[in-house]
Each structure stands twice: as structure tokens, then as C-alpha cells.
Amino acid sequence: MTVTEQEHAPAGVDPAVPSVARIYDYLLGGKDNFASDREAAAQILRLSPNAKEVARANRAFMGRAVRAIARKGVRQFLDIGTGLPTQENVHQVAAQVAPGARVVYADNDPIVLVHARALLAETADTIVVEGDMREPKAILTHPEVLQHLDLQRPTAVLLMAVLHFIPDDDQVRDILRIVREALPSGSYLVISHVTEGRLDGRAVGEGREVYRRTSTGNVTPRSREVIAGFFDGLEMVEPGLVSATAEDALDASVAGPGGADVLCGIGRVP
């Protein structure tokens, strides 16, 4: 950690402790990260050399999902666990298809909140609120969220590459049940989730250890079967649950030997 990093860290943020949001920012080619994040990212890349490609593929899937849902007539988006702002954010993608679409970003990382609020200071259609995905009811009943979105109308909720930071399967299912029950028919739930891909047991264990040292804690890759179950009660949108790398315009070899992957899908509330 440098003196400069220490000086520029928001109050309450320890630059010596890596952050999941800043690691992801680094993998996407961003610059809003500290030395501790870059060191953690280097360890992840050693274990999964395709990590940058997977991060970009996940981001590209998000863009495709938002465009597809906006074309279905949805004009409200709630991005939970948004991460640091980068290119092609949800509000920017939605506005390409539906100018005036309303977007709420929710995150509990202080640096994410600082950057997001600075980016959105003059964007009336988009707001950012502090919220923890582990407490979805608090987000869905947040006064600013309810003022900005009409949850009686179709809304898309995005949980992109965040649910794998909750180790308990039942807790994830409870979160998703609360979200589904709050949404009217015609709404959408977009999920992406890390799967082990072709990582061996040793690499999975070492990867978990890297994330255990972050401000978020452990990471739990899950099987296709378990991730598919997270869409129970929803109508899967074609092509269903897919690999982000396979669906993106990237060489499918990015999910080759020694690589993790992300499975992603869109479910419609019937």
C-alpha cells in the first residue's frame, strides 16, 4: 500500500484489505483499485488464467440481458451488488434502447457508493442507495427505491456475480424468494454465478482462500444443477442457463483447462 492510496481511500476503507469490487474492476481493466486488489487478482489469474476473459464475458452478458429486457418493454432496473462503475453500466445500456428508463444501483461497499454517486450526480433517471444483498427486503422497501421505482410495474432485478459470495444455498434461495415475491408478473431476474468450470479441487481451495482475505469473505462456486435451481418458479428466457464465455463473442477456449467460468441466465416472473 502506498501513502497515496492511504490518502485517497474513503473514510472507513482500508486499502490494505482487498475488495471484491476493486478486484473485479482490475480484471475488467479499470483503474479504481489498490495494490492489495492487484495482488489478489494476480493470485486469481495464476489459478484461473482466463479470469479477465470471464469477467469481460460476464459484463457483456449483463449488457445483452439489459438490452433484451428493455426491448420487452421493461423500463425499471434494480442492480443489486452493482460494483464499481465502468463502461456500459446498466443505466447507459438501458438508455440506448429506452431513454428515460429508471435505474437503481444498490451496494454496501463504501468505495462503490462514492464512485457511483459521483458518476450519477446529474443523472435524474438513476440513483444509488446503500444496501446489502443479504437483506433484500430492506432494499426493496428502501424509501428512495420506492420513490424512484414503481414495484407494481414490471422491473428487472440484476444479481450479477454476487450470489457466490453467500456460502449457504438456503440463504441464497431465501434471498431470491423474497425478490420474486416482490415483483409483479412480467418482471425479470438476471443472475450470473461462478461455477468451477475445469478448476481442480486444489485451485478451488486456493481461490477461496484468496477471497477469504477480502472485505467480502468466502466465494462458493456452485454446480450447474444448483444454479439452475435458483431460477425455480421463473420462466427461463432462451437460451436458458448458459456459459457467459460461450455466449459472448469470445473464443470458447477461454473456458479451457484450468479455468473457472460463469453461468448466467434470465428468468421471467410468470
C-alpha atoms as a PDB file:
ATOM      1  CA  MET A   1       0.000   0.000   0.000  1.00  0.00           C
ATOM      2  CA  THR A   2       1.313   3.442  -0.898  1.00  0.00           C
ATOM      3  CA  VAL A   3       0.843   6.686   1.001  1.00  0.00           C
ATOM      4  CA  THR A   4      -1.174   7.973  -1.961  1.00  0.00           C
ATOM      5  CA  GLU A   5      -3.583   5.043  -1.718  1.00  0.00           C
ATOM      6  CA  GLN A   6      -3.972   5.619   2.004  1.00  0.00           C
ATOM      7  CA  GLU A   7      -4.734   9.291   1.432  1.00  0.00           C
ATOM      8  CA  HIS A   8      -7.293   8.630  -1.311  1.00  0.00           C
ATOM      9  CA  ALA A   9      -9.205   5.858   0.436  1.00  0.00           C
ATOM     10  CA  PRO A  10     -12.698   6.917   1.602  1.00  0.00           C
ATOM     11  CA  ALA A  11     -13.318   7.017   5.340  1.00  0.00           C
ATOM     12  CA  GLY A  12     -13.753   3.533   6.730  1.00  0.00           C
ATOM     13  CA  VAL A  13     -11.903   1.830   3.849  1.00  0.00           C
ATOM     14  CA  ASP A  14      -8.617   0.027   4.494  1.00  0.00           C
ATOM     15  CA  PRO A  15      -6.649  -0.091   1.213  1.00  0.00           C
ATOM     16  CA  ALA A  16      -4.582  -2.968   2.616  1.00  0.00           C
ATOM     17  CA  VAL A  17      -7.655  -5.227   2.570  1.00  0.00           C
ATOM     18  CA  PRO A  18      -8.580  -6.344  -0.952  1.00  0.00           C
ATOM     19  CA  SER A  19     -12.125  -5.679  -2.131  1.00  0.00           C
ATOM     20  CA  VAL A  20     -14.142  -7.929  -4.424  1.00  0.00           C
ATOM     21  CA  ALA A  21     -15.470  -4.890  -6.313  1.00  0.00           C
ATOM     22  CA  ARG A  22     -11.961  -3.497  -6.866  1.00  0.00           C
ATOM     23  CA  ILE A  23     -10.562  -6.915  -7.894  1.00  0.00           C
ATOM     24  CA  TYR A  24     -13.337  -7.150 -10.479  1.00  0.00           C
ATOM     25  CA  ASP A  25     -12.567  -3.602 -11.599  1.00  0.00           C
ATOM     26  CA  TYR A  26      -8.941  -4.603 -12.155  1.00  0.00           C
ATOM     27  CA  LEU A  27      -9.933  -7.742 -14.112  1.00  0.00           C
ATOM     28  CA  LEU A  28     -12.085  -5.535 -16.348  1.00  0.00           C
ATOM     29  CA  GLY A  29      -9.129  -3.238 -16.992  1.00  0.00           C
ATOM     30  CA  GLY A  30     -10.232  -0.481 -14.620  1.00  0.00           C
ATOM     31  CA  LYS A  31      -8.020   1.771 -12.517  1.00  0.00           C
ATOM     32  CA  ASP A  32     -10.088   2.112  -9.334  1.00  0.00           C
ATOM     33  CA  ASN A  33      -8.099  -0.427  -7.339  1.00  0.00           C
ATOM     34  CA  PHE A  34      -5.287  -0.597  -4.805  1.00  0.00           C
ATOM     35  CA  ALA A  35      -2.101  -2.664  -4.629  1.00  0.00           C
ATOM     36  CA  SER A  36      -3.808  -5.211  -2.375  1.00  0.00           C
ATOM     37  CA  ASP A  37      -6.502  -5.735  -5.026  1.00  0.00           C
ATOM     38  CA  ARG A  38      -3.953  -6.178  -7.798  1.00  0.00           C
ATOM     39  CA  GLU A  39      -2.016  -8.688  -5.725  1.00  0.00           C
ATOM     40  CA  ALA A  40      -5.201 -10.676  -5.068  1.00  0.00           C
ATOM     41  CA  ALA A  41      -6.105 -10.510  -8.755  1.00  0.00           C
ATOM     42  CA  ALA A  42      -2.654 -11.828  -9.687  1.00  0.00           C
ATOM     43  CA  GLN A  43      -3.233 -14.841  -7.441  1.00  0.00           C
ATOM     44  CA  ILE A  44      -6.640 -15.436  -9.029  1.00  0.00           C
ATOM     45  CA  LEU A  45      -5.116 -15.230 -12.508  1.00  0.00           C
ATOM     46  CA  ARG A  46      -2.482 -17.754 -11.535  1.00  0.00           C
ATOM     47  CA  LEU A  47      -5.211 -20.194 -10.526  1.00  0.00           C
ATOM     48  CA  SER A  48      -7.606 -19.306 -13.364  1.00  0.00           C
ATOM     49  CA  PRO A  49      -5.689 -17.716 -16.269  1.00  0.00           C
ATOM     50  CA  ASN A  50      -8.978 -16.919 -18.052  1.00  0.00           C
ATOM     51  CA  ALA A  51     -10.282 -14.731 -15.205  1.00  0.00           C
ATOM     52  CA  LYS A  52     -10.069 -11.489 -17.206  1.00  0.00           C
ATOM     53  CA  GLU A  53     -11.919 -13.037 -20.147  1.00  0.00           C
ATOM     54  CA  VAL A  54     -14.589 -14.436 -17.832  1.00  0.00           C
ATOM     55  CA  ALA A  55     -15.047 -11.026 -16.160  1.00  0.00           C
ATOM     56  CA  ARG A  56     -15.445  -9.347 -19.549  1.00  0.00           C
ATOM     57  CA  ALA A  57     -17.841 -12.058 -20.723  1.00  0.00           C
ATOM     58  CA  ASN A  58     -19.940 -11.614 -17.582  1.00  0.00           C
ATOM     59  CA  ARG A  59     -20.084  -7.876 -18.201  1.00  0.00           C
ATOM     60  CA  ALA A  60     -21.038  -8.402 -21.834  1.00  0.00           C
ATOM     61  CA  PHE A  61     -23.843 -10.776 -20.816  1.00  0.00           C
ATOM     62  CA  MET A  62     -25.216  -8.110 -18.494  1.00  0.00           C
ATOM     63  CA  GLY A  63     -25.371  -5.684 -21.393  1.00  0.00           C
ATOM     64  CA  ARG A  64     -27.147  -8.181 -23.625  1.00  0.00           C
ATOM     65  CA  ALA A  65     -29.616  -9.018 -20.865  1.00  0.00           C
ATOM     66  CA  VAL A  66     -30.472  -5.366 -20.180  1.00  0.00           C
ATOM     67  CA  ARG A  67     -30.983  -4.658 -23.879  1.00  0.00           C
ATOM     68  CA  ALA A  68     -33.169  -7.734 -24.342  1.00  0.00           C
ATOM     69  CA  ILE A  69     -35.326  -6.887 -21.325  1.00  0.00           C
ATOM     70  CA  ALA A  70     -35.661  -3.229 -22.333  1.00  0.00           C
ATOM     71  CA  ARG A  71     -36.840  -4.366 -25.770  1.00  0.00           C
ATOM     72  CA  LYS A  72     -39.573  -6.326 -23.987  1.00  0.00           C
ATOM     73  CA  GLY A  73     -40.904  -3.032 -22.660  1.00  0.00           C
ATOM     74  CA  VAL A  74     -39.434  -3.050 -19.147  1.00  0.00           C
ATOM     75  CA  ARG A  75     -38.435   0.432 -18.028  1.00  0.00           C
ATOM     76  CA  GLN A  76     -37.222  -0.222 -14.479  1.00  0.00           C
ATOM     77  CA  PHE A  77     -33.974  -1.872 -13.363  1.00  0.00           C
ATOM     78  CA  LEU A  78     -32.630  -2.670  -9.900  1.00  0.00           C
ATOM     79  CA  ASP A  79     -28.966  -3.711  -9.863  1.00  0.00           C
ATOM     80  CA  ILE A  80     -28.055  -5.280  -6.510  1.00  0.00           C
ATOM     81  CA  GLY A  81     -24.342  -5.549  -5.746  1.00  0.00           C
ATOM     82  CA  THR A  82     -23.555  -3.291  -8.662  1.00  0.00           C
ATOM     83  CA  GLY A  83     -19.792  -2.995  -8.182  1.00  0.00           C
ATOM     84  CA  LEU A  84     -17.660  -0.092  -9.353  1.00  0.00           C
ATOM     85  CA  PRO A  85     -18.928   1.926 -12.329  1.00  0.00           C
ATOM     86  CA  THR A  86     -17.200   1.095 -15.588  1.00  0.00           C
ATOM     87  CA  GLN A  87     -18.135   1.244 -19.265  1.00  0.00           C
ATOM     88  CA  GLU A  88     -21.598   0.102 -20.366  1.00  0.00           C
ATOM     89  CA  ASN A  89     -23.267   0.435 -16.980  1.00  0.00           C
ATOM     90  CA  VAL A  90     -26.884  -0.678 -16.634  1.00  0.00           C
ATOM     91  CA  HIS A  91     -28.321   2.834 -16.941  1.00  0.00           C
ATOM     92  CA  GLN A  92     -26.238   3.549 -20.041  1.00  0.00           C
ATOM     93  CA  VAL A  93     -27.230   0.299 -21.752  1.00  0.00           C
ATOM     94  CA  ALA A  94     -30.919   0.695 -20.862  1.00  0.00           C
ATOM     95  CA  ALA A  95     -30.952   4.266 -22.168  1.00  0.00           C
ATOM     96  CA  GLN A  96     -29.702   3.067 -25.569  1.00  0.00           C
ATOM     97  CA  VAL A  97     -32.926   1.102 -26.003  1.00  0.00           C
ATOM     98  CA  ALA A  98     -35.314   3.018 -23.759  1.00  0.00           C
ATOM     99  CA  PRO A  99     -34.378   6.626 -22.998  1.00  0.00           C
ATOM    100  CA  GLY A 100     -35.827   7.561 -19.627  1.00  0.00           C
ATOM    101  CA  ALA A 101     -35.574   4.064 -18.171  1.00  0.00           C
ATOM    102  CA  ARG A 102     -35.232   4.269 -14.400  1.00  0.00           C
ATOM    103  CA  VAL A 103     -32.349   2.509 -12.662  1.00  0.00           C
ATOM    104  CA  VAL A 104     -31.398   1.934  -9.036  1.00  0.00           C
ATOM    105  CA  TYR A 105     -27.951   0.708  -8.026  1.00  0.00           C
ATOM    106  CA  ALA A 106     -27.619  -0.874  -4.575  1.00  0.00           C
ATOM    107  CA  ASP A 107     -24.301  -1.773  -2.950  1.00  0.00           C
ATOM    108  CA  ASN A 108     -22.733  -1.798   0.508  1.00  0.00           C
ATOM    109  CA  ASP A 109     -19.108  -1.114  -0.499  1.00  0.00           C
ATOM    110  CA  PRO A 110     -18.120   2.450   0.539  1.00  0.00           C
ATOM    111  CA  ILE A 111     -15.870   2.948  -2.489  1.00  0.00           C
ATOM    112  CA  VAL A 112     -18.597   1.756  -4.860  1.00  0.00           C
ATOM    113  CA  LEU A 113     -21.038   4.216  -3.297  1.00  0.00           C
ATOM    114  CA  VAL A 114     -18.599   7.129  -3.575  1.00  0.00           C
ATOM    115  CA  HIS A 115     -17.817   6.460  -7.243  1.00  0.00           C
ATOM    116  CA  ALA A 116     -21.411   5.687  -8.229  1.00  0.00           C
ATOM    117  CA  ARG A 117     -22.788   8.825  -6.601  1.00  0.00           C
ATOM    118  CA  ALA A 118     -20.137  10.962  -8.294  1.00  0.00           C
ATOM    119  CA  LEU A 119     -20.961   9.406 -11.678  1.00  0.00           C
ATOM    120  CA  LEU A 120     -24.703   9.824 -11.227  1.00  0.00           C
ATOM    121  CA  ALA A 121     -24.760  13.265  -9.615  1.00  0.00           C
ATOM    122  CA  GLU A 122     -26.556  14.798 -12.602  1.00  0.00           C
ATOM    123  CA  THR A 123     -28.450  11.736 -13.853  1.00  0.00           C
ATOM    124  CA  ALA A 124     -32.079  12.136 -12.814  1.00  0.00           C
ATOM    125  CA  ASP A 125     -33.222   8.724 -14.065  1.00  0.00           C
ATOM    126  CA  THR A 126     -30.677   6.794 -11.982  1.00  0.00           C
ATOM    127  CA  ILE A 127     -29.935   6.711  -8.258  1.00  0.00           C
ATOM    128  CA  VAL A 128     -27.649   4.737  -5.946  1.00  0.00           C
ATOM    129  CA  VAL A 129     -28.586   3.517  -2.469  1.00  0.00           C
ATOM    130  CA  GLU A 130     -26.698   1.710   0.227  1.00  0.00           C
ATOM    131  CA  GLY A 131     -27.949  -1.844   0.513  1.00  0.00           C
ATOM    132  CA  ASP A 132     -26.773  -5.381   1.254  1.00  0.00           C
ATOM    133  CA  MET A 133     -27.951  -8.241  -0.937  1.00  0.00           C
ATOM    134  CA  ARG A 134     -28.211 -10.371   2.200  1.00  0.00           C
ATOM    135  CA  GLU A 135     -31.090  -8.119   3.251  1.00  0.00           C
ATOM    136  CA  PRO A 136     -33.170  -7.866   0.072  1.00  0.00           C
ATOM    137  CA  LYS A 137     -36.332  -6.770   1.889  1.00  0.00           C
ATOM    138  CA  ALA A 138     -34.504  -3.698   3.197  1.00  0.00           C
ATOM    139  CA  ILE A 139     -33.524  -2.785  -0.373  1.00  0.00           C
ATOM    140  CA  LEU A 140     -36.980  -3.446  -1.814  1.00  0.00           C
ATOM    141  CA  THR A 141     -38.631  -1.297   0.862  1.00  0.00           C
ATOM    142  CA  HIS A 142     -35.969   1.418   0.915  1.00  0.00           C
ATOM    143  CA  PRO A 143     -37.762   4.802   0.731  1.00  0.00           C
ATOM    144  CA  GLU A 144     -35.546   6.078  -2.098  1.00  0.00           C
ATOM    145  CA  VAL A 145     -36.054   2.871  -4.076  1.00  0.00           C
ATOM    146  CA  LEU A 146     -39.834   3.088  -3.680  1.00  0.00           C
ATOM    147  CA  GLN A 147     -39.764   6.757  -4.666  1.00  0.00           C
ATOM    148  CA  HIS A 148     -37.749   6.021  -7.799  1.00  0.00           C
ATOM    149  CA  LEU A 149     -39.333   2.737  -8.907  1.00  0.00           C
ATOM    150  CA  ASP A 150     -42.926   1.577  -9.021  1.00  0.00           C
ATOM    151  CA  LEU A 151     -42.613  -2.067  -7.987  1.00  0.00           C
ATOM    152  CA  GLN A 152     -46.198  -2.677  -9.065  1.00  0.00           C
ATOM    153  CA  ARG A 153     -44.905  -2.432 -12.632  1.00  0.00           C
ATOM    154  CA  PRO A 154     -42.536  -4.899 -14.343  1.00  0.00           C
ATOM    155  CA  THR A 155     -38.998  -4.492 -13.057  1.00  0.00           C
ATOM    156  CA  ALA A 156     -35.735  -6.255 -13.832  1.00  0.00           C
ATOM    157  CA  VAL A 157     -33.567  -7.199 -10.863  1.00  0.00           C
ATOM    158  CA  LEU A 158     -29.919  -7.985 -11.569  1.00  0.00           C
ATOM    159  CA  LEU A 159     -27.706 -10.081  -9.296  1.00  0.00           C
ATOM    160  CA  MET A 160     -24.550 -10.247 -11.348  1.00  0.00           C
ATOM    161  CA  ALA A 161     -21.647 -12.305  -9.990  1.00  0.00           C
ATOM    162  CA  VAL A 162     -22.584 -11.714  -6.356  1.00  0.00           C
ATOM    163  CA  LEU A 163     -24.574 -14.705  -5.080  1.00  0.00           C
ATOM    164  CA  HIS A 164     -21.452 -16.893  -4.951  1.00  0.00           C
ATOM    165  CA  PHE A 165     -20.259 -14.732  -2.047  1.00  0.00           C
ATOM    166  CA  ILE A 166     -23.028 -16.247   0.075  1.00  0.00           C
ATOM    167  CA  PRO A 167     -21.888 -19.733   1.138  1.00  0.00           C
ATOM    168  CA  ASP A 168     -25.268 -21.072   2.275  1.00  0.00           C
ATOM    169  CA  ASP A 169     -27.519 -22.372  -0.531  1.00  0.00           C
ATOM    170  CA  ASP A 170     -30.676 -21.930   1.534  1.00  0.00           C
ATOM    171  CA  GLN A 171     -29.833 -18.310   2.240  1.00  0.00           C
ATOM    172  CA  VAL A 172     -29.455 -17.674  -1.488  1.00  0.00           C
ATOM    173  CA  ARG A 173     -32.828 -19.322  -2.133  1.00  0.00           C
ATOM    174  CA  ASP A 174     -34.430 -17.169   0.576  1.00  0.00           C
ATOM    175  CA  ILE A 175     -32.994 -14.008  -0.992  1.00  0.00           C
ATOM    176  CA  LEU A 176     -34.329 -14.974  -4.405  1.00  0.00           C
ATOM    177  CA  ARG A 177     -37.742 -15.925  -2.995  1.00  0.00           C
ATOM    178  CA  ILE A 178     -38.080 -12.507  -1.336  1.00  0.00           C
ATOM    179  CA  VAL A 179     -37.117 -10.788  -4.590  1.00  0.00           C
ATOM    180  CA  ARG A 180     -39.512 -12.886  -6.701  1.00  0.00           C
ATOM    181  CA  GLU A 181     -42.411 -12.317  -4.331  1.00  0.00           C
ATOM    182  CA  ALA A 182     -41.888  -8.549  -4.512  1.00  0.00           C
ATOM    183  CA  LEU A 183     -42.072  -8.437  -8.302  1.00  0.00           C
ATOM    184  CA  PRO A 184     -45.213  -8.418 -10.449  1.00  0.00           C
ATOM    185  CA  SER A 185     -45.806 -10.647 -13.461  1.00  0.00           C
ATOM    186  CA  GLY A 186     -43.680  -9.651 -16.434  1.00  0.00           C
ATOM    187  CA  SER A 187     -40.670  -8.794 -14.291  1.00  0.00           C
ATOM    188  CA  TYR A 188     -37.264 -10.379 -14.803  1.00  0.00           C
ATOM    189  CA  LEU A 189     -34.477 -11.750 -12.630  1.00  0.00           C
ATOM    190  CA  VAL A 190     -30.972 -11.813 -14.120  1.00  0.00           C
ATOM    191  CA  ILE A 191     -28.349 -13.967 -12.394  1.00  0.00           C
ATOM    192  CA  SER A 192     -24.735 -14.816 -13.106  1.00  0.00           C
ATOM    193  CA  HIS A 193     -22.800 -17.136 -10.827  1.00  0.00           C
ATOM    194  CA  VAL A 194     -19.305 -18.612 -10.696  1.00  0.00           C
ATOM    195  CA  THR A 195     -19.021 -22.328 -11.394  1.00  0.00           C
ATOM    196  CA  GLU A 196     -15.918 -24.430 -11.009  1.00  0.00           C
ATOM    197  CA  GLY A 197     -15.527 -24.986 -14.732  1.00  0.00           C
ATOM    198  CA  ARG A 198     -12.358 -27.032 -15.188  1.00  0.00           C
ATOM    199  CA  LEU A 199     -10.692 -25.973 -11.947  1.00  0.00           C
ATOM    200  CA  ASP A 200      -9.370 -28.828  -9.837  1.00  0.00           C
ATOM    201  CA  GLY A 201     -10.030 -29.115  -6.116  1.00  0.00           C
ATOM    202  CA  ARG A 202      -6.700 -27.561  -5.157  1.00  0.00           C
ATOM    203  CA  ALA A 203      -7.290 -24.485  -7.308  1.00  0.00           C
ATOM    204  CA  VAL A 204     -10.816 -24.073  -5.918  1.00  0.00           C
ATOM    205  CA  GLY A 205      -9.471 -24.240  -2.375  1.00  0.00           C
ATOM    206  CA  GLU A 206      -6.711 -21.718  -3.053  1.00  0.00           C
ATOM    207  CA  GLY A 207      -9.158 -19.409  -4.805  1.00  0.00           C
ATOM    208  CA  ARG A 208     -11.441 -19.489  -1.807  1.00  0.00           C
ATOM    209  CA  GLU A 209      -8.500 -18.579   0.398  1.00  0.00           C
ATOM    210  CA  VAL A 210      -7.765 -15.520  -1.744  1.00  0.00           C
ATOM    211  CA  TYR A 211     -11.352 -14.289  -1.430  1.00  0.00           C
ATOM    212  CA  ARG A 212     -11.460 -15.125   2.265  1.00  0.00           C
ATOM    213  CA  ARG A 213      -8.936 -12.341   2.779  1.00  0.00           C
ATOM    214  CA  THR A 214     -11.166  -9.765   1.081  1.00  0.00           C
ATOM    215  CA  SER A 215     -13.677  -7.486   2.748  1.00  0.00           C
ATOM    216  CA  THR A 216     -16.482  -9.720   1.436  1.00  0.00           C
ATOM    217  CA  GLY A 217     -15.203 -13.095   2.572  1.00  0.00           C
ATOM    218  CA  ASN A 218     -15.525 -16.518   1.012  1.00  0.00           C
ATOM    219  CA  VAL A 219     -16.551 -17.451  -2.514  1.00  0.00           C
ATOM    220  CA  THR A 220     -18.616 -20.550  -3.242  1.00  0.00           C
ATOM    221  CA  PRO A 221     -18.590 -21.873  -6.825  1.00  0.00           C
ATOM    222  CA  ARG A 222     -21.713 -23.964  -7.464  1.00  0.00           C
ATOM    223  CA  SER A 223     -22.705 -26.660  -9.923  1.00  0.00           C
ATOM    224  CA  ARG A 224     -24.961 -26.113 -12.918  1.00  0.00           C
ATOM    225  CA  GLU A 225     -27.723 -28.060 -11.154  1.00  0.00           C
ATOM    226  CA  VAL A 226     -27.666 -25.849  -8.063  1.00  0.00           C
ATOM    227  CA  ILE A 227     -27.500 -22.608 -10.076  1.00  0.00           C
ATOM    228  CA  ALA A 228     -30.359 -23.795 -12.303  1.00  0.00           C
ATOM    229  CA  GLY A 229     -32.420 -24.339  -9.153  1.00  0.00           C
ATOM    230  CA  PHE A 230     -32.088 -20.650  -8.300  1.00  0.00           C
ATOM    231  CA  PHE A 231     -34.480 -19.975 -11.197  1.00  0.00           C
ATOM    232  CA  ASP A 232     -37.230 -22.194  -9.783  1.00  0.00           C
ATOM    233  CA  GLY A 233     -40.608 -20.519 -10.145  1.00  0.00           C
ATOM    234  CA  LEU A 234     -39.472 -18.454 -13.121  1.00  0.00           C
ATOM    235  CA  GLU A 235     -39.842 -18.927 -16.863  1.00  0.00           C
ATOM    236  CA  MET A 236     -36.363 -19.233 -18.319  1.00  0.00           C
ATOM    237  CA  VAL A 237     -35.668 -16.961 -21.270  1.00  0.00           C
ATOM    238  CA  GLU A 238     -33.883 -18.622 -24.188  1.00  0.00           C
ATOM    239  CA  PRO A 239     -31.169 -19.826 -24.436  1.00  0.00           C
ATOM    240  CA  GLY A 240     -31.563 -20.732 -20.748  1.00  0.00           C
ATOM    241  CA  LEU A 241     -28.679 -21.175 -18.342  1.00  0.00           C
ATOM    242  CA  VAL A 242     -25.502 -20.720 -20.361  1.00  0.00           C
ATOM    243  CA  SER A 243     -21.799 -20.097 -20.002  1.00  0.00           C
ATOM    244  CA  ALA A 244     -21.042 -16.382 -20.243  1.00  0.00           C
ATOM    245  CA  THR A 245     -17.890 -17.172 -22.175  1.00  0.00           C
ATOM    246  CA  ALA A 246     -19.677 -19.361 -24.719  1.00  0.00           C
ATOM    247  CA  GLU A 247     -22.399 -16.790 -25.331  1.00  0.00           C
ATOM    248  CA  ASP A 248     -20.064 -13.853 -25.616  1.00  0.00           C
ATOM    249  CA  ALA A 249     -18.202 -13.096 -28.840  1.00  0.00           C
ATOM    250  CA  LEU A 250     -15.058 -14.500 -27.288  1.00  0.00           C
ATOM    251  CA  ASP A 251     -13.196 -17.633 -28.229  1.00  0.00           C
ATOM    252  CA  ALA A 252     -14.793 -20.513 -26.311  1.00  0.00           C
ATOM    253  CA  SER A 253     -11.272 -21.606 -25.391  1.00  0.00           C
ATOM    254  CA  VAL A 254     -11.270 -19.032 -22.587  1.00  0.00           C
ATOM    255  CA  ALA A 255     -13.029 -21.700 -20.510  1.00  0.00           C
ATOM    256  CA  GLY A 256     -10.244 -24.173 -21.223  1.00  0.00           C
ATOM    257  CA  PRO A 257      -8.168 -26.271 -18.828  1.00  0.00           C
ATOM    258  CA  GLY A 258      -7.502 -24.597 -15.519  1.00  0.00           C
ATOM    259  CA  GLY A 259     -10.252 -22.035 -15.988  1.00  0.00           C
ATOM    260  CA  ALA A 260     -13.300 -21.121 -13.937  1.00  0.00           C
ATOM    261  CA  ASP A 261     -16.480 -19.995 -15.640  1.00  0.00           C
ATOM    262  CA  VAL A 262     -19.664 -18.049 -15.022  1.00  0.00           C
ATOM    263  CA  LEU A 263     -23.138 -19.432 -15.706  1.00  0.00           C
ATOM    264  CA  CYS A 264     -25.822 -16.894 -16.394  1.00  0.00           C
ATOM    265  CA  GLY A 265     -29.499 -16.734 -17.223  1.00  0.00           C
ATOM    266  CA  ILE A 266     -32.647 -14.647 -17.310  1.00  0.00           C
ATOM    267  CA  GLY A 267     -35.865 -15.716 -15.617  1.00  0.00           C
ATOM    268  CA  ARG A 268     -39.286 -14.102 -16.185  1.00  0.00           C
ATOM    269  CA  VAL A 269     -41.821 -13.810 -13.390  1.00  0.00           C
ATOM    270  CA  PRO A 270     -44.988 -15.556 -14.699  1.00  0.00           C
END
